[in-house]
Amino acid sequence: MFTQTKNIDTVARLNRRFNIMLMLVTATILCFGIYKSYDFADRAQNRVRILYNGKVLETFLSDRKHYKPVELRDHIKTFHEDFFNLVPDDKQIQVTITKALYLADESAKRQYDDLREHGYYANLIAGNISQQVNIDSTVLDMNQVPYAFTCYATEKLVRATSTVTRKLVTQGKVRELNSETDNNPHGFLIQNWEVISNKDIDSLAAKP
């Protein structure tokens, strides 16, 4: 009888140990699952997408500082392409200039108004001239905020009879906005923008 009682006590202790171990394992698995869920949610919230050369790149907010020069250069490039890539069509000029002005402050608007008042766009339309710009390089100063830049580009004015090539140099600063929009996907704004140089460097007559 004492042996049977002892066996019952032994089985009870083993059951208790097993139950305790099972509870510990279950609690560990549950905690790990909760941790991974929060980690996944945090990573999802910190994941952002940037637009570069027409491609959407995915990165994390903690890494954005490494991609910021890329975003800044793309913002500056997009602005200059929208501002200077022109066709002899008044409505199309308005469309591209409007897109460019979403990316810059009133300094760009002043440049546009000055060109318009001097008949620059009217001359493009009257002369059936297309204007194309290609960004050669953009120098950024990442050591100060807002970020100063100098943009070097090649500009071509294509006529029926000739093509004129110009060297374009502009400068300004870029500051960060608190949000992105459809019209400004990078969330930057160019300010104090000015054209430093826009000189003819070559003129090529069109082949008959």
N, C-alpha and C. Protein backbone atom coordinates (compact mmCIF):
# COMPACT_ATOMS: atom_id res chain seq x y z
N MET A 1 0.84 -1.21 0.00
CA MET A 1 0.00 0.00 0.00
C MET A 1 0.86 1.24 0.00
N PHE A 2 1.92 1.25 0.82
CA PHE A 2 2.82 2.41 0.85
C PHE A 2 3.53 2.57 -0.48
N THR A 3 3.87 1.44 -1.12
CA THR A 3 4.53 1.51 -2.43
C THR A 3 3.61 2.12 -3.47
N GLN A 4 2.32 1.76 -3.43
CA GLN A 4 1.35 2.30 -4.39
C GLN A 4 1.17 3.80 -4.19
N THR A 5 1.10 4.20 -2.90
CA THR A 5 0.97 5.63 -2.61
C THR A 5 2.18 6.41 -3.09
N LYS A 6 3.37 5.82 -2.89
CA LYS A 6 4.61 6.47 -3.33
C LYS A 6 4.62 6.62 -4.85
N ASN A 7 4.15 5.59 -5.56
CA ASN A 7 4.09 5.67 -7.02
C ASN A 7 3.13 6.77 -7.49
N ILE A 8 2.00 6.88 -6.79
CA ILE A 8 1.01 7.93 -7.13
C ILE A 8 1.62 9.31 -6.93
N ASP A 9 2.35 9.49 -5.81
CA ASP A 9 3.00 10.78 -5.55
C ASP A 9 4.04 11.10 -6.63
N THR A 10 4.79 10.07 -7.02
CA THR A 10 5.81 10.26 -8.06
C THR A 10 5.18 10.69 -9.37
N VAL A 11 4.10 10.00 -9.77
CA VAL A 11 3.40 10.35 -11.01
C VAL A 11 2.83 11.76 -10.92
N ALA A 12 2.30 12.15 -9.76
CA ALA A 12 1.74 13.50 -9.59
C ALA A 12 2.82 14.56 -9.75
N ARG A 13 4.02 14.28 -9.12
CA ARG A 13 5.11 15.25 -9.25
C ARG A 13 5.57 15.37 -10.72
N LEU A 14 5.64 14.24 -11.41
CA LEU A 14 6.04 14.26 -12.82
C LEU A 14 5.02 15.03 -13.67
N ASN A 15 3.74 14.84 -13.35
CA ASN A 15 2.70 15.57 -14.07
C ASN A 15 2.81 17.08 -13.84
N ARG A 16 3.09 17.44 -12.57
CA ARG A 16 3.25 18.86 -12.27
C ARG A 16 4.43 19.45 -13.02
N ARG A 17 5.57 18.72 -13.02
CA ARG A 17 6.76 19.20 -13.73
C ARG A 17 6.48 19.33 -15.23
N PHE A 18 5.78 18.32 -15.77
CA PHE A 18 5.46 18.35 -17.19
C PHE A 18 4.57 19.55 -17.53
N ASN A 19 3.56 19.75 -16.65
CA ASN A 19 2.65 20.89 -16.88
C ASN A 19 3.39 22.22 -16.79
N ILE A 20 4.30 22.31 -15.80
CA ILE A 20 5.08 23.54 -15.65
C ILE A 20 5.95 23.78 -16.87
N MET A 21 6.63 22.71 -17.34
CA MET A 21 7.48 22.83 -18.52
C MET A 21 6.65 23.21 -19.76
N LEU A 22 5.46 22.60 -19.88
CA LEU A 22 4.59 22.91 -21.01
C LEU A 22 4.15 24.37 -20.98
N MET A 23 3.83 24.86 -19.76
CA MET A 23 3.42 26.25 -19.63
C MET A 23 4.56 27.20 -19.98
N LEU A 24 5.79 26.85 -19.54
CA LEU A 24 6.95 27.69 -19.85
C LEU A 24 7.22 27.73 -21.35
N VAL A 25 7.15 26.56 -22.00
CA VAL A 25 7.37 26.50 -23.45
C VAL A 25 6.29 27.30 -24.18
N THR A 26 5.04 27.15 -23.76
CA THR A 26 3.93 27.88 -24.39
C THR A 26 4.11 29.38 -24.22
N ALA A 27 4.49 29.80 -22.99
CA ALA A 27 4.69 31.22 -22.73
C ALA A 27 5.85 31.77 -23.57
N THR A 28 6.91 30.96 -23.71
CA THR A 28 8.05 31.40 -24.53
C THR A 28 7.65 31.59 -25.98
N ILE A 29 6.92 30.62 -26.52
CA ILE A 29 6.46 30.71 -27.91
C ILE A 29 5.53 31.90 -28.11
N LEU A 30 4.64 32.13 -27.12
CA LEU A 30 3.71 33.25 -27.20
C LEU A 30 4.44 34.59 -27.19
N CYS A 31 5.41 34.72 -26.28
CA CYS A 31 6.19 35.96 -26.20
C CYS A 31 6.98 36.21 -27.49
N PHE A 32 7.56 35.13 -28.03
CA PHE A 32 8.32 35.26 -29.28
C PHE A 32 7.40 35.71 -30.42
N GLY A 33 6.19 35.13 -30.45
CA GLY A 33 5.24 35.51 -31.49
C GLY A 33 4.83 36.97 -31.38
N ILE A 34 4.59 37.43 -30.14
CA ILE A 34 4.22 38.83 -29.93
C ILE A 34 5.37 39.75 -30.34
N TYR A 35 6.59 39.38 -29.96
CA TYR A 35 7.78 40.19 -30.31
C TYR A 35 7.92 40.31 -31.83
N LYS A 36 7.79 39.17 -32.54
CA LYS A 36 7.94 39.20 -34.00
C LYS A 36 6.83 40.00 -34.65
N SER A 37 5.63 39.95 -34.07
CA SER A 37 4.51 40.72 -34.62
C SER A 37 4.78 42.21 -34.52
N TYR A 38 5.24 42.66 -33.34
CA TYR A 38 5.57 44.08 -33.15
C TYR A 38 6.74 44.49 -34.03
N ASP A 39 7.73 43.60 -34.16
CA ASP A 39 8.88 43.90 -34.99
C ASP A 39 8.47 44.06 -36.45
N PHE A 40 7.61 43.16 -36.92
CA PHE A 40 7.13 43.24 -38.30
C PHE A 40 6.33 44.52 -38.53
N ALA A 41 5.46 44.87 -37.56
CA ALA A 41 4.65 46.09 -37.69
C ALA A 41 5.54 47.33 -37.70
N ASP A 42 6.57 47.32 -36.85
CA ASP A 42 7.48 48.47 -36.79
C ASP A 42 8.25 48.63 -38.09
N ARG A 43 8.71 47.51 -38.65
CA ARG A 43 9.46 47.55 -39.91
C ARG A 43 8.56 48.00 -41.05
N ALA A 44 7.31 47.58 -41.01
CA ALA A 44 6.37 47.98 -42.06
C ALA A 44 6.10 49.47 -42.01
N GLN A 45 5.98 50.03 -40.78
CA GLN A 45 5.73 51.45 -40.64
C GLN A 45 6.93 52.28 -41.06
N ASN A 46 8.12 51.76 -40.85
CA ASN A 46 9.33 52.50 -41.18
C ASN A 46 9.77 52.31 -42.63
N ARG A 47 9.03 51.47 -43.37
CA ARG A 47 9.39 51.23 -44.76
C ARG A 47 8.85 52.36 -45.64
N VAL A 48 9.69 52.93 -46.48
CA VAL A 48 9.28 54.00 -47.38
C VAL A 48 9.71 53.64 -48.79
N ARG A 49 9.10 54.32 -49.76
CA ARG A 49 9.45 54.12 -51.15
C ARG A 49 9.89 55.46 -51.73
N ILE A 50 10.98 55.42 -52.51
CA ILE A 50 11.48 56.63 -53.13
C ILE A 50 11.46 56.44 -54.64
N LEU A 51 11.25 57.55 -55.35
CA LEU A 51 11.21 57.52 -56.81
C LEU A 51 12.53 58.03 -57.34
N TYR A 52 13.21 57.18 -58.13
CA TYR A 52 14.51 57.56 -58.69
C TYR A 52 14.58 57.08 -60.13
N ASN A 53 14.78 58.04 -61.04
CA ASN A 53 14.84 57.73 -62.48
C ASN A 53 13.62 56.94 -62.95
N GLY A 54 12.46 57.31 -62.42
CA GLY A 54 11.23 56.66 -62.82
C GLY A 54 11.00 55.31 -62.19
N LYS A 55 11.90 54.88 -61.30
CA LYS A 55 11.76 53.59 -60.64
C LYS A 55 11.48 53.78 -59.16
N VAL A 56 10.62 52.92 -58.61
CA VAL A 56 10.29 53.00 -57.19
C VAL A 56 11.24 52.09 -56.43
N LEU A 57 12.01 52.68 -55.50
CA LEU A 57 12.94 51.93 -54.67
C LEU A 57 12.41 51.89 -53.25
N GLU A 58 12.53 50.73 -52.61
CA GLU A 58 12.06 50.57 -51.24
C GLU A 58 13.22 50.61 -50.27
N THR A 59 13.05 51.37 -49.19
CA THR A 59 14.10 51.46 -48.18
C THR A 59 13.44 51.66 -46.82
N PHE A 60 14.23 51.89 -45.79
CA PHE A 60 13.73 52.10 -44.44
C PHE A 60 14.08 53.50 -43.98
N LEU A 61 13.24 54.05 -43.10
CA LEU A 61 13.48 55.40 -42.61
C LEU A 61 14.84 55.54 -41.96
N SER A 62 15.27 54.50 -41.27
CA SER A 62 16.57 54.57 -40.59
C SER A 62 17.71 54.66 -41.58
N ASP A 63 17.47 54.20 -42.82
CA ASP A 63 18.51 54.24 -43.85
C ASP A 63 18.34 55.42 -44.80
N ARG A 64 17.30 56.24 -44.60
CA ARG A 64 17.01 57.29 -45.58
C ARG A 64 18.14 58.29 -45.71
N LYS A 65 18.88 58.51 -44.63
CA LYS A 65 19.97 59.47 -44.69
C LYS A 65 21.02 59.05 -45.72
N HIS A 66 21.13 57.73 -45.94
CA HIS A 66 22.09 57.26 -46.94
C HIS A 66 21.58 57.50 -48.35
N TYR A 67 20.25 57.51 -48.52
CA TYR A 67 19.65 57.72 -49.83
C TYR A 67 19.31 59.19 -50.08
N LYS A 68 19.45 60.04 -49.10
CA LYS A 68 19.03 61.43 -49.25
C LYS A 68 19.73 62.14 -50.41
N PRO A 69 21.06 61.99 -50.58
CA PRO A 69 21.69 62.63 -51.75
C PRO A 69 21.08 62.17 -53.07
N VAL A 70 20.70 60.89 -53.15
CA VAL A 70 20.07 60.37 -54.36
C VAL A 70 18.72 61.06 -54.58
N GLU A 71 17.93 61.16 -53.51
CA GLU A 71 16.63 61.82 -53.61
C GLU A 71 16.77 63.29 -53.97
N LEU A 72 17.74 63.96 -53.35
CA LEU A 72 17.95 65.38 -53.63
C LEU A 72 18.32 65.60 -55.08
N ARG A 73 19.24 64.80 -55.59
CA ARG A 73 19.66 64.95 -56.99
C ARG A 73 18.51 64.66 -57.94
N ASP A 74 17.69 63.68 -57.61
CA ASP A 74 16.55 63.37 -58.47
C ASP A 74 15.53 64.50 -58.43
N HIS A 75 15.32 65.09 -57.28
CA HIS A 75 14.41 66.23 -57.16
C HIS A 75 14.90 67.40 -57.99
N ILE A 76 16.18 67.70 -57.88
CA ILE A 76 16.78 68.80 -58.64
C ILE A 76 16.73 68.52 -60.14
N LYS A 77 17.03 67.29 -60.52
CA LYS A 77 16.98 66.90 -61.93
C LYS A 77 15.56 67.04 -62.49
N THR A 78 14.58 66.54 -61.75
CA THR A 78 13.20 66.61 -62.20
C THR A 78 12.75 68.05 -62.39
N PHE A 79 13.11 68.91 -61.43
CA PHE A 79 12.75 70.32 -61.54
C PHE A 79 13.33 70.94 -62.81
N HIS A 80 14.62 70.73 -63.06
CA HIS A 80 15.26 71.34 -64.22
C HIS A 80 14.70 70.78 -65.53
N GLU A 81 14.41 69.50 -65.56
CA GLU A 81 13.83 68.93 -66.77
C GLU A 81 12.44 69.50 -67.04
N ASP A 82 11.63 69.64 -66.00
CA ASP A 82 10.29 70.21 -66.19
C ASP A 82 10.37 71.69 -66.57
N PHE A 83 11.36 72.41 -66.04
CA PHE A 83 11.46 73.85 -66.29
C PHE A 83 12.04 74.15 -67.66
N PHE A 84 13.00 73.33 -68.12
CA PHE A 84 13.74 73.67 -69.34
C PHE A 84 13.40 72.79 -70.55
N ASN A 85 12.79 71.63 -70.37
CA ASN A 85 12.38 70.82 -71.52
C ASN A 85 11.08 71.38 -72.07
N LEU A 86 11.17 72.08 -73.20
CA LEU A 86 10.02 72.81 -73.73
C LEU A 86 9.80 72.49 -75.20
N VAL A 87 8.55 72.48 -75.59
CA VAL A 87 8.18 72.32 -77.00
C VAL A 87 7.42 73.57 -77.42
N PRO A 88 7.36 73.85 -78.72
CA PRO A 88 6.67 75.08 -79.18
C PRO A 88 5.15 74.94 -79.13
N ASP A 89 4.65 74.80 -77.93
CA ASP A 89 3.22 74.66 -77.71
C ASP A 89 2.89 75.34 -76.38
N ASP A 90 2.07 76.36 -76.43
CA ASP A 90 1.80 77.17 -75.24
C ASP A 90 1.18 76.35 -74.11
N LYS A 91 0.23 75.47 -74.43
CA LYS A 91 -0.42 74.67 -73.40
C LYS A 91 0.56 73.69 -72.76
N GLN A 92 1.41 73.07 -73.58
CA GLN A 92 2.38 72.12 -73.04
C GLN A 92 3.42 72.82 -72.19
N ILE A 93 3.81 74.02 -72.58
CA ILE A 93 4.74 74.81 -71.77
C ILE A 93 4.13 75.09 -70.40
N GLN A 94 2.86 75.45 -70.37
CA GLN A 94 2.18 75.71 -69.10
C GLN A 94 2.15 74.47 -68.22
N VAL A 95 1.94 73.31 -68.83
CA VAL A 95 1.87 72.06 -68.08
C VAL A 95 3.21 71.75 -67.42
N THR A 96 4.30 71.81 -68.20
CA THR A 96 5.61 71.45 -67.66
C THR A 96 6.11 72.48 -66.65
N ILE A 97 5.88 73.75 -66.92
CA ILE A 97 6.30 74.78 -65.97
C ILE A 97 5.54 74.65 -64.66
N THR A 98 4.25 74.36 -64.74
CA THR A 98 3.45 74.19 -63.52
C THR A 98 3.99 73.03 -62.68
N LYS A 99 4.37 71.93 -63.34
CA LYS A 99 4.96 70.79 -62.62
C LYS A 99 6.25 71.21 -61.93
N ALA A 100 7.07 72.01 -62.62
CA ALA A 100 8.33 72.45 -62.04
C ALA A 100 8.10 73.36 -60.83
N LEU A 101 7.09 74.22 -60.90
CA LEU A 101 6.86 75.19 -59.83
C LEU A 101 6.37 74.54 -58.54
N TYR A 102 5.83 73.32 -58.64
CA TYR A 102 5.47 72.59 -57.43
C TYR A 102 6.71 72.18 -56.64
N LEU A 103 7.87 72.14 -57.28
CA LEU A 103 9.10 71.65 -56.66
C LEU A 103 9.99 72.77 -56.15
N ALA A 104 9.58 74.01 -56.30
CA ALA A 104 10.42 75.15 -55.92
C ALA A 104 9.57 76.27 -55.33
N ASP A 105 10.25 77.24 -54.72
CA ASP A 105 9.54 78.37 -54.12
C ASP A 105 9.37 79.49 -55.14
N GLU A 106 9.08 80.70 -54.65
CA GLU A 106 8.78 81.82 -55.53
C GLU A 106 9.97 82.27 -56.38
N SER A 107 11.18 81.85 -56.03
CA SER A 107 12.35 82.22 -56.83
C SER A 107 12.24 81.65 -58.24
N ALA A 108 11.72 80.43 -58.38
CA ALA A 108 11.51 79.84 -59.70
C ALA A 108 10.38 80.56 -60.44
N LYS A 109 9.35 80.94 -59.71
CA LYS A 109 8.23 81.68 -60.33
C LYS A 109 8.72 83.02 -60.86
N ARG A 110 9.63 83.67 -60.15
CA ARG A 110 10.17 84.95 -60.64
C ARG A 110 10.97 84.75 -61.92
N GLN A 111 11.75 83.67 -61.99
CA GLN A 111 12.50 83.38 -63.21
C GLN A 111 11.54 83.15 -64.38
N TYR A 112 10.49 82.40 -64.14
CA TYR A 112 9.50 82.13 -65.18
C TYR A 112 8.82 83.42 -65.64
N ASP A 113 8.38 84.24 -64.68
CA ASP A 113 7.71 85.49 -65.03
C ASP A 113 8.64 86.41 -65.82
N ASP A 114 9.92 86.44 -65.45
CA ASP A 114 10.88 87.29 -66.16
C ASP A 114 11.05 86.82 -67.60
N LEU A 115 11.19 85.52 -67.81
CA LEU A 115 11.32 84.98 -69.17
C LEU A 115 10.07 85.25 -70.00
N ARG A 116 8.92 85.09 -69.38
CA ARG A 116 7.67 85.33 -70.10
C ARG A 116 7.51 86.79 -70.50
N GLU A 117 7.85 87.69 -69.56
CA GLU A 117 7.73 89.12 -69.85
C GLU A 117 8.68 89.57 -70.96
N HIS A 118 9.81 88.90 -71.08
CA HIS A 118 10.77 89.23 -72.13
C HIS A 118 10.48 88.47 -73.43
N GLY A 119 9.36 87.77 -73.49
CA GLY A 119 8.93 87.11 -74.71
C GLY A 119 9.66 85.84 -75.06
N TYR A 120 10.32 85.23 -74.07
CA TYR A 120 11.12 84.05 -74.36
C TYR A 120 10.26 82.90 -74.88
N TYR A 121 9.17 82.61 -74.19
CA TYR A 121 8.30 81.50 -74.59
C TYR A 121 7.57 81.80 -75.89
N ALA A 122 7.20 83.05 -76.09
CA ALA A 122 6.55 83.44 -77.34
C ALA A 122 7.49 83.25 -78.52
N ASN A 123 8.78 83.54 -78.32
CA ASN A 123 9.77 83.36 -79.38
C ASN A 123 9.97 81.87 -79.70
N LEU A 124 9.94 81.02 -78.66
CA LEU A 124 10.05 79.59 -78.90
C LEU A 124 8.91 79.09 -79.78
N ILE A 125 7.71 79.55 -79.46
CA ILE A 125 6.54 79.12 -80.22
C ILE A 125 6.58 79.68 -81.65
N ALA A 126 6.89 80.98 -81.77
CA ALA A 126 6.94 81.62 -83.09
C ALA A 126 8.02 81.01 -83.98
N GLY A 127 9.16 80.65 -83.38
CA GLY A 127 10.26 80.09 -84.15
C GLY A 127 10.21 78.58 -84.27
N ASN A 128 9.15 77.97 -83.71
CA ASN A 128 9.01 76.51 -83.74
C ASN A 128 10.28 75.83 -83.20
N ILE A 129 10.71 76.30 -82.03
CA ILE A 129 11.96 75.84 -81.42
C ILE A 129 11.66 74.89 -80.26
N SER A 130 12.35 73.77 -80.23
CA SER A 130 12.27 72.85 -79.11
C SER A 130 13.50 73.04 -78.22
N GLN A 131 13.29 73.00 -76.93
CA GLN A 131 14.39 73.17 -75.97
C GLN A 131 14.54 71.90 -75.15
N GLN A 132 15.77 71.38 -75.09
CA GLN A 132 16.05 70.14 -74.37
C GLN A 132 17.20 70.37 -73.40
N VAL A 133 17.11 69.78 -72.23
CA VAL A 133 18.16 69.93 -71.23
C VAL A 133 18.62 68.55 -70.77
N ASN A 134 19.92 68.42 -70.56
CA ASN A 134 20.49 67.19 -70.03
C ASN A 134 21.37 67.55 -68.83
N ILE A 135 21.06 66.97 -67.67
CA ILE A 135 21.81 67.27 -66.45
C ILE A 135 23.15 66.54 -66.50
N ASP A 136 24.24 67.30 -66.45
CA ASP A 136 25.58 66.71 -66.48
C ASP A 136 26.01 66.27 -65.08
N SER A 137 25.82 67.15 -64.09
CA SER A 137 26.19 66.82 -62.71
C SER A 137 25.52 67.79 -61.76
N THR A 138 25.38 67.34 -60.52
CA THR A 138 24.82 68.18 -59.46
C THR A 138 25.72 68.08 -58.24
N VAL A 139 26.26 69.20 -57.80
CA VAL A 139 27.14 69.23 -56.63
C VAL A 139 26.31 69.64 -55.42
N LEU A 140 26.34 68.80 -54.38
CA LEU A 140 25.55 69.04 -53.17
C LEU A 140 26.45 69.31 -51.98
N ASP A 141 25.99 70.18 -51.10
CA ASP A 141 26.66 70.38 -49.81
C ASP A 141 25.75 69.81 -48.73
N MET A 142 26.10 68.61 -48.26
CA MET A 142 25.26 67.93 -47.27
C MET A 142 25.61 68.33 -45.84
N ASN A 143 26.52 69.27 -45.68
CA ASN A 143 26.97 69.67 -44.34
C ASN A 143 26.15 70.80 -43.75
N GLN A 144 25.20 71.32 -44.50
CA GLN A 144 24.38 72.40 -43.98
C GLN A 144 22.94 72.20 -44.42
N VAL A 145 22.02 72.73 -43.63
CA VAL A 145 20.59 72.65 -43.93
C VAL A 145 20.04 74.07 -43.98
N PRO A 146 19.33 74.46 -45.06
CA PRO A 146 19.01 73.67 -46.25
C PRO A 146 20.26 73.35 -47.08
N TYR A 147 20.14 72.33 -47.93
CA TYR A 147 21.28 71.82 -48.67
C TYR A 147 21.54 72.67 -49.91
N ALA A 148 22.73 73.26 -49.98
CA ALA A 148 23.10 74.07 -51.14
C ALA A 148 23.50 73.16 -52.30
N PHE A 149 23.20 73.61 -53.51
CA PHE A 149 23.56 72.82 -54.69
C PHE A 149 23.95 73.73 -55.85
N THR A 150 24.76 73.16 -56.74
CA THR A 150 25.06 73.77 -58.03
C THR A 150 24.81 72.72 -59.09
N CYS A 151 24.01 73.07 -60.07
CA CYS A 151 23.62 72.13 -61.12
C CYS A 151 24.26 72.54 -62.44
N TYR A 152 24.93 71.58 -63.08
CA TYR A 152 25.57 71.81 -64.38
C TYR A 152 24.80 71.00 -65.42
N ALA A 153 24.41 71.67 -66.51
CA ALA A 153 23.60 71.01 -67.52
C ALA A 153 23.97 71.50 -68.91
N THR A 154 23.58 70.71 -69.90
CA THR A 154 23.72 71.09 -71.30
C THR A 154 22.34 71.31 -71.89
N GLU A 155 22.17 72.46 -72.52
CA GLU A 155 20.86 72.84 -73.06
C GLU A 155 20.96 72.95 -74.58
N LYS A 156 19.98 72.41 -75.28
CA LYS A 156 19.96 72.48 -76.74
C LYS A 156 18.68 73.14 -77.22
N LEU A 157 18.82 74.09 -78.14
CA LEU A 157 17.69 74.73 -78.79
C LEU A 157 17.67 74.25 -80.24
N VAL A 158 16.67 73.47 -80.57
CA VAL A 158 16.60 72.82 -81.87
C VAL A 158 15.63 73.58 -82.77
N ARG A 159 16.17 74.14 -83.84
CA ARG A 159 15.38 74.81 -84.87
C ARG A 159 15.36 73.93 -86.13
N ALA A 160 14.55 74.34 -87.08
CA ALA A 160 14.52 73.62 -88.35
C ALA A 160 15.84 73.78 -89.09
N THR A 161 16.52 74.90 -88.89
CA THR A 161 17.74 75.21 -89.64
C THR A 161 19.02 74.99 -88.84
N SER A 162 18.93 74.89 -87.52
CA SER A 162 20.16 74.77 -86.72
C SER A 162 19.85 74.26 -85.31
N THR A 163 20.92 73.85 -84.64
CA THR A 163 20.83 73.44 -83.23
C THR A 163 21.89 74.21 -82.44
N VAL A 164 21.45 74.95 -81.44
CA VAL A 164 22.35 75.73 -80.60
C VAL A 164 22.53 75.01 -79.27
N THR A 165 23.78 74.82 -78.86
CA THR A 165 24.08 74.17 -77.59
C THR A 165 24.56 75.20 -76.59
N ARG A 166 24.00 75.14 -75.39
CA ARG A 166 24.35 76.08 -74.34
C ARG A 166 24.82 75.34 -73.10
N LYS A 167 25.68 75.99 -72.35
CA LYS A 167 26.11 75.47 -71.05
C LYS A 167 25.31 76.19 -69.98
N LEU A 168 24.54 75.42 -69.23
CA LEU A 168 23.65 75.97 -68.21
C LEU A 168 24.17 75.65 -66.82
N VAL A 169 24.26 76.68 -65.97
CA VAL A 169 24.68 76.49 -64.58
C VAL A 169 23.67 77.21 -63.69
N THR A 170 23.11 76.49 -62.73
CA THR A 170 22.18 77.10 -61.78
C THR A 170 22.61 76.74 -60.36
N GLN A 171 22.09 77.49 -59.41
CA GLN A 171 22.38 77.17 -58.01
C GLN A 171 21.18 77.53 -57.15
N GLY A 172 21.17 76.97 -55.97
CA GLY A 172 20.09 77.22 -55.03
C GLY A 172 20.27 76.38 -53.78
N LYS A 173 19.19 76.25 -53.03
CA LYS A 173 19.19 75.43 -51.83
C LYS A 173 17.93 74.57 -51.81
N VAL A 174 18.01 73.45 -51.09
CA VAL A 174 16.86 72.56 -50.98
C VAL A 174 16.57 72.31 -49.51
N ARG A 175 15.33 72.52 -49.13
CA ARG A 175 14.93 72.21 -47.76
C ARG A 175 13.90 71.09 -47.76
N GLU A 176 13.82 70.41 -46.63
CA GLU A 176 12.88 69.30 -46.49
C GLU A 176 11.52 69.81 -46.03
N LEU A 177 10.48 69.22 -46.60
CA LEU A 177 9.12 69.49 -46.16
C LEU A 177 8.70 68.37 -45.21
N ASN A 178 7.57 68.57 -44.55
CA ASN A 178 7.11 67.58 -43.57
C ASN A 178 6.31 66.45 -44.20
N SER A 179 6.00 66.57 -45.48
CA SER A 179 5.18 65.54 -46.12
C SER A 179 5.45 65.51 -47.62
N GLU A 180 5.06 64.39 -48.24
CA GLU A 180 5.16 64.24 -49.67
C GLU A 180 3.76 64.33 -50.27
N THR A 181 3.71 64.75 -51.54
CA THR A 181 2.44 64.83 -52.26
C THR A 181 2.62 64.22 -53.64
N ASP A 182 1.50 64.06 -54.36
CA ASP A 182 1.58 63.56 -55.73
C ASP A 182 2.39 64.49 -56.61
N ASN A 183 2.30 65.80 -56.34
CA ASN A 183 3.04 66.77 -57.14
C ASN A 183 4.47 66.97 -56.67
N ASN A 184 4.76 66.49 -55.46
CA ASN A 184 6.12 66.62 -54.91
C ASN A 184 6.44 65.34 -54.13
N PRO A 185 6.73 64.25 -54.86
CA PRO A 185 6.86 62.94 -54.20
C PRO A 185 8.06 62.81 -53.27
N HIS A 186 9.11 63.62 -53.44
CA HIS A 186 10.27 63.52 -52.56
C HIS A 186 10.10 64.34 -51.28
N GLY A 187 9.20 65.31 -51.29
CA GLY A 187 9.01 66.14 -50.10
C GLY A 187 10.13 67.14 -49.88
N PHE A 188 10.74 67.64 -50.96
CA PHE A 188 11.76 68.68 -50.89
C PHE A 188 11.25 69.94 -51.59
N LEU A 189 11.87 71.07 -51.30
CA LEU A 189 11.50 72.33 -51.96
C LEU A 189 12.77 73.12 -52.28
N ILE A 190 12.95 73.44 -53.56
CA ILE A 190 14.09 74.27 -53.99
C ILE A 190 13.79 75.72 -53.66
N GLN A 191 14.77 76.42 -53.10
CA GLN A 191 14.59 77.83 -52.77
C GLN A 191 15.84 78.63 -53.17
N ASN A 192 15.64 79.95 -53.29
CA ASN A 192 16.73 80.86 -53.69
C ASN A 192 17.40 80.39 -54.99
N TRP A 193 16.58 79.93 -55.92
CA TRP A 193 17.11 79.38 -57.17
C TRP A 193 17.42 80.49 -58.16
N GLU A 194 18.56 80.36 -58.82
CA GLU A 194 18.94 81.36 -59.82
C GLU A 194 19.81 80.72 -60.89
N VAL A 195 19.75 81.30 -62.10
CA VAL A 195 20.58 80.87 -63.22
C VAL A 195 21.88 81.67 -63.18
N ILE A 196 22.99 80.97 -63.03
CA ILE A 196 24.30 81.62 -62.95
C ILE A 196 24.87 81.88 -64.34
N SER A 197 24.69 80.92 -65.23
CA SER A 197 25.24 81.04 -66.58
C SER A 197 24.38 80.25 -67.56
N ASN A 198 24.20 80.81 -68.75
CA ASN A 198 23.47 80.12 -69.82
C ASN A 198 24.01 80.63 -71.16
N LYS A 199 25.23 80.17 -71.49
CA LYS A 199 25.96 80.70 -72.64
C LYS A 199 26.01 79.70 -73.78
N ASP A 200 25.97 80.23 -75.02
CA ASP A 200 26.12 79.39 -76.20
C ASP A 200 27.54 78.86 -76.27
N ILE A 201 27.68 77.56 -76.54
CA ILE A 201 29.01 76.99 -76.71
C ILE A 201 29.19 76.36 -78.09
N ASP A 202 28.08 76.19 -78.83
CA ASP A 202 28.19 75.56 -80.15
C ASP A 202 26.91 75.83 -80.94
N SER A 203 27.07 75.93 -82.24
CA SER A 203 25.94 76.10 -83.14
C SER A 203 26.17 75.25 -84.37
N LEU A 204 25.20 74.39 -84.66
CA LEU A 204 25.35 73.45 -85.75
C LEU A 204 24.17 73.61 -86.72
N ALA A 205 24.51 73.88 -87.98
CA ALA A 205 23.48 74.05 -88.99
C ALA A 205 22.87 72.70 -89.33
N ALA A 206 21.57 72.70 -89.54
CA ALA A 206 20.88 71.47 -89.90
C ALA A 206 21.24 71.04 -91.31
N LYS A 207 21.33 69.75 -91.54
CA LYS A 207 21.65 69.24 -92.87
C LYS A 207 20.45 69.42 -93.79
N PRO A 208 20.72 69.86 -95.02
CA PRO A 208 19.61 70.08 -95.95
C PRO A 208 18.96 68.77 -96.36
